[in-house]
Amino acid sequence: MAAMAAGLWIDTLRTPAALLASECAAPASLAEMAWRHASLMPASSIAMLAAALAPWPRAPALGARLACAVSMSVGMLAGAQLGMLAALPLGVAPFAGMVAGMAAGMAVALPAVGSP
């Protein structure tokens, strides 16, 4: 999640946070959301994938790391949408809702693939 946060900071230097949040809230299929996310937030996408796939000490096998990366990506995409949906009626800043949703989606995805 730290890698995703660092990448997101880099992405906001290039693309305004409000635009990122509005694009994440727009309805789309999973494939469309993934494409939108990768094109608007390349640094956070690359950082998250690199952190998930890197052969860290005591890391699981590549297949488990790949399953984790896919699960975290889906969690991040779904979480961004749900975070935005929750933020608007609560009066929370859209970008904060998106980031909280992304982190929550990733956190929920980790136990689903057996990661610590």
N, C-alpha and C. Protein backbone atom coordinates (compact mmCIF):
# COMPACT_ATOMS: atom_id res chain seq x y z
N MET A 1 0.82 -1.19 0.00
CA MET A 1 0.00 0.00 0.00
C MET A 1 0.86 1.26 0.00
N ALA A 2 2.04 1.16 0.63
CA ALA A 2 2.95 2.31 0.63
C ALA A 2 3.42 2.61 -0.79
N ALA A 3 3.67 1.57 -1.57
CA ALA A 3 4.09 1.78 -2.96
C ALA A 3 2.97 2.45 -3.75
N MET A 4 1.74 2.02 -3.54
CA MET A 4 0.60 2.63 -4.23
C MET A 4 0.48 4.09 -3.83
N ALA A 5 0.65 4.40 -2.55
CA ALA A 5 0.54 5.78 -2.08
C ALA A 5 1.63 6.66 -2.67
N ALA A 6 2.85 6.16 -2.71
CA ALA A 6 3.95 6.92 -3.30
C ALA A 6 3.70 7.16 -4.79
N GLY A 7 3.25 6.13 -5.48
CA GLY A 7 2.93 6.28 -6.89
C GLY A 7 1.79 7.25 -7.13
N LEU A 8 0.80 7.22 -6.26
CA LEU A 8 -0.34 8.13 -6.39
C LEU A 8 0.11 9.58 -6.20
N TRP A 9 1.04 9.81 -5.28
CA TRP A 9 1.57 11.15 -5.10
C TRP A 9 2.22 11.63 -6.40
N ILE A 10 3.01 10.76 -7.02
CA ILE A 10 3.66 11.10 -8.30
C ILE A 10 2.60 11.38 -9.37
N ASP A 11 1.57 10.56 -9.40
CA ASP A 11 0.51 10.74 -10.40
C ASP A 11 -0.20 12.07 -10.24
N THR A 12 -0.39 12.53 -8.99
CA THR A 12 -1.08 13.81 -8.77
C THR A 12 -0.22 15.00 -9.16
N LEU A 13 1.07 14.80 -9.34
CA LEU A 13 1.91 15.88 -9.85
C LEU A 13 1.64 16.12 -11.33
N ARG A 14 1.14 15.08 -12.01
CA ARG A 14 0.87 15.14 -13.45
C ARG A 14 -0.60 15.39 -13.74
N THR A 15 -1.46 14.81 -12.94
CA THR A 15 -2.91 14.88 -13.16
C THR A 15 -3.57 15.37 -11.88
N PRO A 16 -4.42 16.40 -11.95
CA PRO A 16 -5.06 16.91 -10.73
C PRO A 16 -5.86 15.82 -9.99
N ALA A 17 -5.77 15.88 -8.68
CA ALA A 17 -6.45 14.89 -7.83
C ALA A 17 -7.96 14.85 -8.12
N ALA A 18 -8.56 16.00 -8.34
CA ALA A 18 -10.01 16.03 -8.62
C ALA A 18 -10.35 15.28 -9.90
N LEU A 19 -9.50 15.38 -10.91
CA LEU A 19 -9.75 14.64 -12.15
C LEU A 19 -9.60 13.15 -11.92
N LEU A 20 -8.56 12.74 -11.18
CA LEU A 20 -8.39 11.32 -10.87
C LEU A 20 -9.62 10.78 -10.15
N ALA A 21 -10.10 11.53 -9.16
CA ALA A 21 -11.26 11.09 -8.39
C ALA A 21 -12.51 11.00 -9.26
N SER A 22 -12.73 11.98 -10.12
CA SER A 22 -13.94 11.94 -10.95
C SER A 22 -13.88 10.81 -11.96
N GLU A 23 -12.71 10.53 -12.50
CA GLU A 23 -12.58 9.43 -13.45
C GLU A 23 -12.77 8.07 -12.76
N CYS A 24 -12.29 7.95 -11.53
CA CYS A 24 -12.47 6.69 -10.80
C CYS A 24 -13.93 6.45 -10.44
N ALA A 25 -14.69 7.52 -10.29
CA ALA A 25 -16.10 7.38 -9.92
C ALA A 25 -17.00 7.09 -11.12
N ALA A 26 -16.51 7.31 -12.31
CA ALA A 26 -17.33 7.11 -13.50
C ALA A 26 -17.62 5.63 -13.69
N PRO A 27 -18.86 5.30 -14.01
CA PRO A 27 -19.21 3.89 -14.21
C PRO A 27 -18.47 3.29 -15.40
N ALA A 28 -18.09 2.03 -15.25
CA ALA A 28 -17.37 1.34 -16.32
C ALA A 28 -17.26 -0.13 -15.97
N SER A 29 -16.91 -0.93 -16.95
CA SER A 29 -16.64 -2.35 -16.70
C SER A 29 -15.29 -2.46 -16.00
N LEU A 30 -15.00 -3.64 -15.49
CA LEU A 30 -13.73 -3.85 -14.81
C LEU A 30 -12.56 -3.58 -15.76
N ALA A 31 -12.66 -4.03 -16.99
CA ALA A 31 -11.60 -3.80 -17.97
C ALA A 31 -11.44 -2.31 -18.27
N GLU A 32 -12.55 -1.60 -18.41
CA GLU A 32 -12.48 -0.16 -18.66
C GLU A 32 -11.88 0.58 -17.46
N MET A 33 -12.26 0.16 -16.25
CA MET A 33 -11.70 0.79 -15.06
C MET A 33 -10.20 0.53 -14.98
N ALA A 34 -9.78 -0.69 -15.30
CA ALA A 34 -8.35 -1.02 -15.26
C ALA A 34 -7.58 -0.18 -16.27
N TRP A 35 -8.10 -0.04 -17.48
CA TRP A 35 -7.44 0.77 -18.49
C TRP A 35 -7.37 2.23 -18.06
N ARG A 36 -8.48 2.75 -17.54
CA ARG A 36 -8.54 4.14 -17.09
C ARG A 36 -7.52 4.36 -15.96
N HIS A 37 -7.48 3.43 -15.03
CA HIS A 37 -6.56 3.54 -13.91
C HIS A 37 -5.11 3.51 -14.39
N ALA A 38 -4.79 2.58 -15.26
CA ALA A 38 -3.42 2.46 -15.76
C ALA A 38 -2.99 3.69 -16.55
N SER A 39 -3.90 4.27 -17.31
CA SER A 39 -3.53 5.43 -18.12
C SER A 39 -3.49 6.72 -17.31
N LEU A 40 -4.37 6.88 -16.32
CA LEU A 40 -4.38 8.09 -15.51
C LEU A 40 -3.43 8.02 -14.32
N MET A 41 -3.18 6.81 -13.84
CA MET A 41 -2.35 6.65 -12.64
C MET A 41 -1.25 5.61 -12.90
N PRO A 42 -0.38 5.89 -13.88
CA PRO A 42 0.63 4.88 -14.20
C PRO A 42 1.63 4.64 -13.07
N ALA A 43 2.01 5.68 -12.36
CA ALA A 43 3.01 5.49 -11.29
C ALA A 43 2.46 4.62 -10.17
N SER A 44 1.22 4.86 -9.76
CA SER A 44 0.65 4.03 -8.68
C SER A 44 0.42 2.60 -9.16
N SER A 45 0.04 2.43 -10.42
CA SER A 45 -0.16 1.08 -10.96
C SER A 45 1.16 0.31 -11.00
N ILE A 46 2.18 0.94 -11.52
CA ILE A 46 3.48 0.28 -11.64
C ILE A 46 4.07 0.01 -10.26
N ALA A 47 3.97 0.97 -9.36
CA ALA A 47 4.53 0.79 -8.01
C ALA A 47 3.84 -0.35 -7.27
N MET A 48 2.52 -0.42 -7.36
CA MET A 48 1.79 -1.49 -6.68
C MET A 48 2.15 -2.85 -7.28
N LEU A 49 2.19 -2.94 -8.59
CA LEU A 49 2.55 -4.21 -9.23
C LEU A 49 3.99 -4.62 -8.91
N ALA A 50 4.90 -3.68 -8.94
CA ALA A 50 6.30 -3.99 -8.63
C ALA A 50 6.43 -4.49 -7.20
N ALA A 51 5.75 -3.83 -6.27
CA ALA A 51 5.82 -4.26 -4.87
C ALA A 51 5.20 -5.63 -4.67
N ALA A 52 4.11 -5.91 -5.36
CA ALA A 52 3.44 -7.21 -5.21
C ALA A 52 4.23 -8.34 -5.86
N LEU A 53 4.90 -8.05 -6.96
CA LEU A 53 5.59 -9.11 -7.70
C LEU A 53 7.06 -9.28 -7.34
N ALA A 54 7.63 -8.33 -6.63
CA ALA A 54 9.06 -8.40 -6.30
C ALA A 54 9.36 -9.61 -5.43
N PRO A 55 10.50 -10.24 -5.67
CA PRO A 55 10.89 -11.41 -4.87
C PRO A 55 11.53 -10.98 -3.54
N TRP A 56 10.73 -10.38 -2.66
CA TRP A 56 11.22 -9.95 -1.36
C TRP A 56 11.71 -11.17 -0.56
N PRO A 57 12.56 -10.96 0.44
CA PRO A 57 12.96 -12.09 1.29
C PRO A 57 11.73 -12.78 1.88
N ARG A 58 11.71 -14.08 1.86
CA ARG A 58 10.60 -14.93 2.35
C ARG A 58 9.30 -14.70 1.57
N ALA A 59 9.41 -14.18 0.35
CA ALA A 59 8.21 -13.98 -0.48
C ALA A 59 7.71 -15.33 -0.97
N PRO A 60 6.40 -15.44 -1.16
CA PRO A 60 5.87 -16.69 -1.71
C PRO A 60 6.31 -16.88 -3.17
N ALA A 61 5.95 -18.00 -3.73
CA ALA A 61 6.29 -18.31 -5.12
C ALA A 61 5.65 -17.28 -6.06
N LEU A 62 6.20 -17.20 -7.27
CA LEU A 62 5.73 -16.22 -8.25
C LEU A 62 4.23 -16.33 -8.50
N GLY A 63 3.70 -17.54 -8.58
CA GLY A 63 2.26 -17.71 -8.82
C GLY A 63 1.43 -17.07 -7.72
N ALA A 64 1.85 -17.21 -6.48
CA ALA A 64 1.12 -16.60 -5.36
C ALA A 64 1.25 -15.07 -5.40
N ARG A 65 2.44 -14.59 -5.78
CA ARG A 65 2.61 -13.13 -5.89
C ARG A 65 1.77 -12.57 -7.03
N LEU A 66 1.66 -13.32 -8.12
CA LEU A 66 0.83 -12.88 -9.25
C LEU A 66 -0.65 -12.86 -8.85
N ALA A 67 -1.10 -13.89 -8.14
CA ALA A 67 -2.49 -13.91 -7.66
C ALA A 67 -2.75 -12.74 -6.72
N CYS A 68 -1.77 -12.43 -5.90
CA CYS A 68 -1.89 -11.29 -4.99
C CYS A 68 -2.00 -9.99 -5.77
N ALA A 69 -1.17 -9.82 -6.79
CA ALA A 69 -1.19 -8.59 -7.60
C ALA A 69 -2.54 -8.43 -8.30
N VAL A 70 -3.06 -9.51 -8.85
CA VAL A 70 -4.36 -9.44 -9.54
C VAL A 70 -5.46 -9.12 -8.53
N SER A 71 -5.44 -9.80 -7.40
CA SER A 71 -6.45 -9.56 -6.36
C SER A 71 -6.39 -8.13 -5.84
N MET A 72 -5.18 -7.64 -5.59
CA MET A 72 -5.03 -6.27 -5.11
C MET A 72 -5.48 -5.26 -6.17
N SER A 73 -5.21 -5.54 -7.43
CA SER A 73 -5.63 -4.63 -8.50
C SER A 73 -7.15 -4.54 -8.57
N VAL A 74 -7.81 -5.68 -8.50
CA VAL A 74 -9.28 -5.68 -8.53
C VAL A 74 -9.81 -4.97 -7.28
N GLY A 75 -9.21 -5.25 -6.13
CA GLY A 75 -9.63 -4.57 -4.90
C GLY A 75 -9.44 -3.08 -4.98
N MET A 76 -8.33 -2.65 -5.58
CA MET A 76 -8.05 -1.23 -5.72
C MET A 76 -9.08 -0.57 -6.64
N LEU A 77 -9.41 -1.21 -7.74
CA LEU A 77 -10.39 -0.65 -8.67
C LEU A 77 -11.78 -0.56 -8.05
N ALA A 78 -12.20 -1.67 -7.45
CA ALA A 78 -13.54 -1.69 -6.82
C ALA A 78 -13.58 -0.74 -5.64
N GLY A 79 -12.51 -0.72 -4.86
CA GLY A 79 -12.46 0.16 -3.69
C GLY A 79 -12.53 1.63 -4.06
N ALA A 80 -11.88 2.00 -5.16
CA ALA A 80 -11.93 3.40 -5.61
C ALA A 80 -13.36 3.80 -5.91
N GLN A 81 -14.08 2.93 -6.60
CA GLN A 81 -15.49 3.24 -6.92
C GLN A 81 -16.34 3.32 -5.65
N LEU A 82 -16.19 2.33 -4.77
CA LEU A 82 -16.98 2.31 -3.54
C LEU A 82 -16.60 3.47 -2.62
N GLY A 83 -15.32 3.80 -2.57
CA GLY A 83 -14.89 4.94 -1.76
C GLY A 83 -15.49 6.23 -2.22
N MET A 84 -15.56 6.40 -3.53
CA MET A 84 -16.19 7.61 -4.08
C MET A 84 -17.69 7.64 -3.78
N LEU A 85 -18.34 6.50 -3.92
CA LEU A 85 -19.78 6.44 -3.63
C LEU A 85 -20.07 6.77 -2.17
N ALA A 86 -19.19 6.32 -1.27
CA ALA A 86 -19.38 6.59 0.16
C ALA A 86 -19.00 8.03 0.51
N ALA A 87 -18.01 8.58 -0.16
CA ALA A 87 -17.51 9.91 0.19
C ALA A 87 -18.52 11.01 -0.12
N LEU A 88 -19.16 10.93 -1.25
CA LEU A 88 -20.03 12.01 -1.68
C LEU A 88 -21.17 12.29 -0.71
N PRO A 89 -21.96 11.27 -0.29
CA PRO A 89 -23.05 11.59 0.64
C PRO A 89 -22.55 11.98 2.04
N LEU A 90 -21.34 11.57 2.40
CA LEU A 90 -20.79 11.90 3.72
C LEU A 90 -20.11 13.26 3.74
N GLY A 91 -19.99 13.90 2.59
CA GLY A 91 -19.35 15.20 2.51
C GLY A 91 -17.83 15.14 2.63
N VAL A 92 -17.26 13.96 2.37
CA VAL A 92 -15.81 13.78 2.40
C VAL A 92 -15.26 14.17 1.03
N ALA A 93 -14.06 14.71 1.03
CA ALA A 93 -13.43 15.09 -0.25
C ALA A 93 -13.35 13.86 -1.16
N PRO A 94 -13.75 14.01 -2.42
CA PRO A 94 -13.75 12.86 -3.34
C PRO A 94 -12.41 12.14 -3.44
N PHE A 95 -11.31 12.89 -3.51
CA PHE A 95 -10.01 12.23 -3.63
C PHE A 95 -9.70 11.41 -2.37
N ALA A 96 -10.04 11.93 -1.22
CA ALA A 96 -9.82 11.18 0.03
C ALA A 96 -10.66 9.90 0.04
N GLY A 97 -11.88 9.98 -0.43
CA GLY A 97 -12.73 8.78 -0.53
C GLY A 97 -12.15 7.76 -1.48
N MET A 98 -11.63 8.24 -2.60
CA MET A 98 -11.03 7.34 -3.58
C MET A 98 -9.81 6.64 -2.98
N VAL A 99 -8.92 7.38 -2.33
CA VAL A 99 -7.71 6.81 -1.76
C VAL A 99 -8.06 5.83 -0.63
N ALA A 100 -8.99 6.21 0.24
CA ALA A 100 -9.40 5.30 1.33
C ALA A 100 -10.02 4.03 0.76
N GLY A 101 -10.82 4.17 -0.28
CA GLY A 101 -11.43 3.01 -0.91
C GLY A 101 -10.40 2.11 -1.57
N MET A 102 -9.41 2.71 -2.22
CA MET A 102 -8.35 1.92 -2.86
C MET A 102 -7.57 1.12 -1.81
N ALA A 103 -7.21 1.78 -0.71
CA ALA A 103 -6.47 1.10 0.35
C ALA A 103 -7.30 0.00 0.98
N ALA A 104 -8.58 0.28 1.23
CA ALA A 104 -9.45 -0.73 1.82
C ALA A 104 -9.64 -1.91 0.88
N GLY A 105 -9.81 -1.64 -0.40
CA GLY A 105 -9.97 -2.72 -1.38
C GLY A 105 -8.74 -3.60 -1.45
N MET A 106 -7.57 -2.99 -1.39
CA MET A 106 -6.34 -3.76 -1.40
C MET A 106 -6.20 -4.58 -0.11
N ALA A 107 -6.54 -3.97 1.02
CA ALA A 107 -6.43 -4.69 2.30
C ALA A 107 -7.37 -5.89 2.36
N VAL A 108 -8.57 -5.74 1.82
CA VAL A 108 -9.52 -6.85 1.80
C VAL A 108 -9.02 -7.96 0.86
N ALA A 109 -8.36 -7.57 -0.20
CA ALA A 109 -7.90 -8.54 -1.20
C ALA A 109 -6.74 -9.41 -0.68
N LEU A 110 -5.90 -8.87 0.18
CA LEU A 110 -4.74 -9.62 0.65
C LEU A 110 -5.08 -10.93 1.35
N PRO A 111 -5.97 -10.94 2.35
CA PRO A 111 -6.30 -12.23 2.97
C PRO A 111 -7.00 -13.19 2.01
N ALA A 112 -7.64 -12.66 0.98
CA ALA A 112 -8.35 -13.52 0.03
C ALA A 112 -7.39 -14.43 -0.74
N VAL A 113 -6.13 -14.00 -0.88
CA VAL A 113 -5.14 -14.83 -1.57
C VAL A 113 -4.13 -15.43 -0.61
N GLY A 114 -4.39 -15.31 0.69
CA GLY A 114 -3.54 -15.94 1.69
C GLY A 114 -2.27 -15.20 1.98
N SER A 115 -2.22 -13.91 1.71
CA SER A 115 -1.04 -13.11 2.04
C SER A 115 -1.13 -12.63 3.47
N PRO A 116 0.02 -12.44 4.13
CA PRO A 116 0.00 -11.95 5.51
C PRO A 116 -0.42 -10.51 5.59
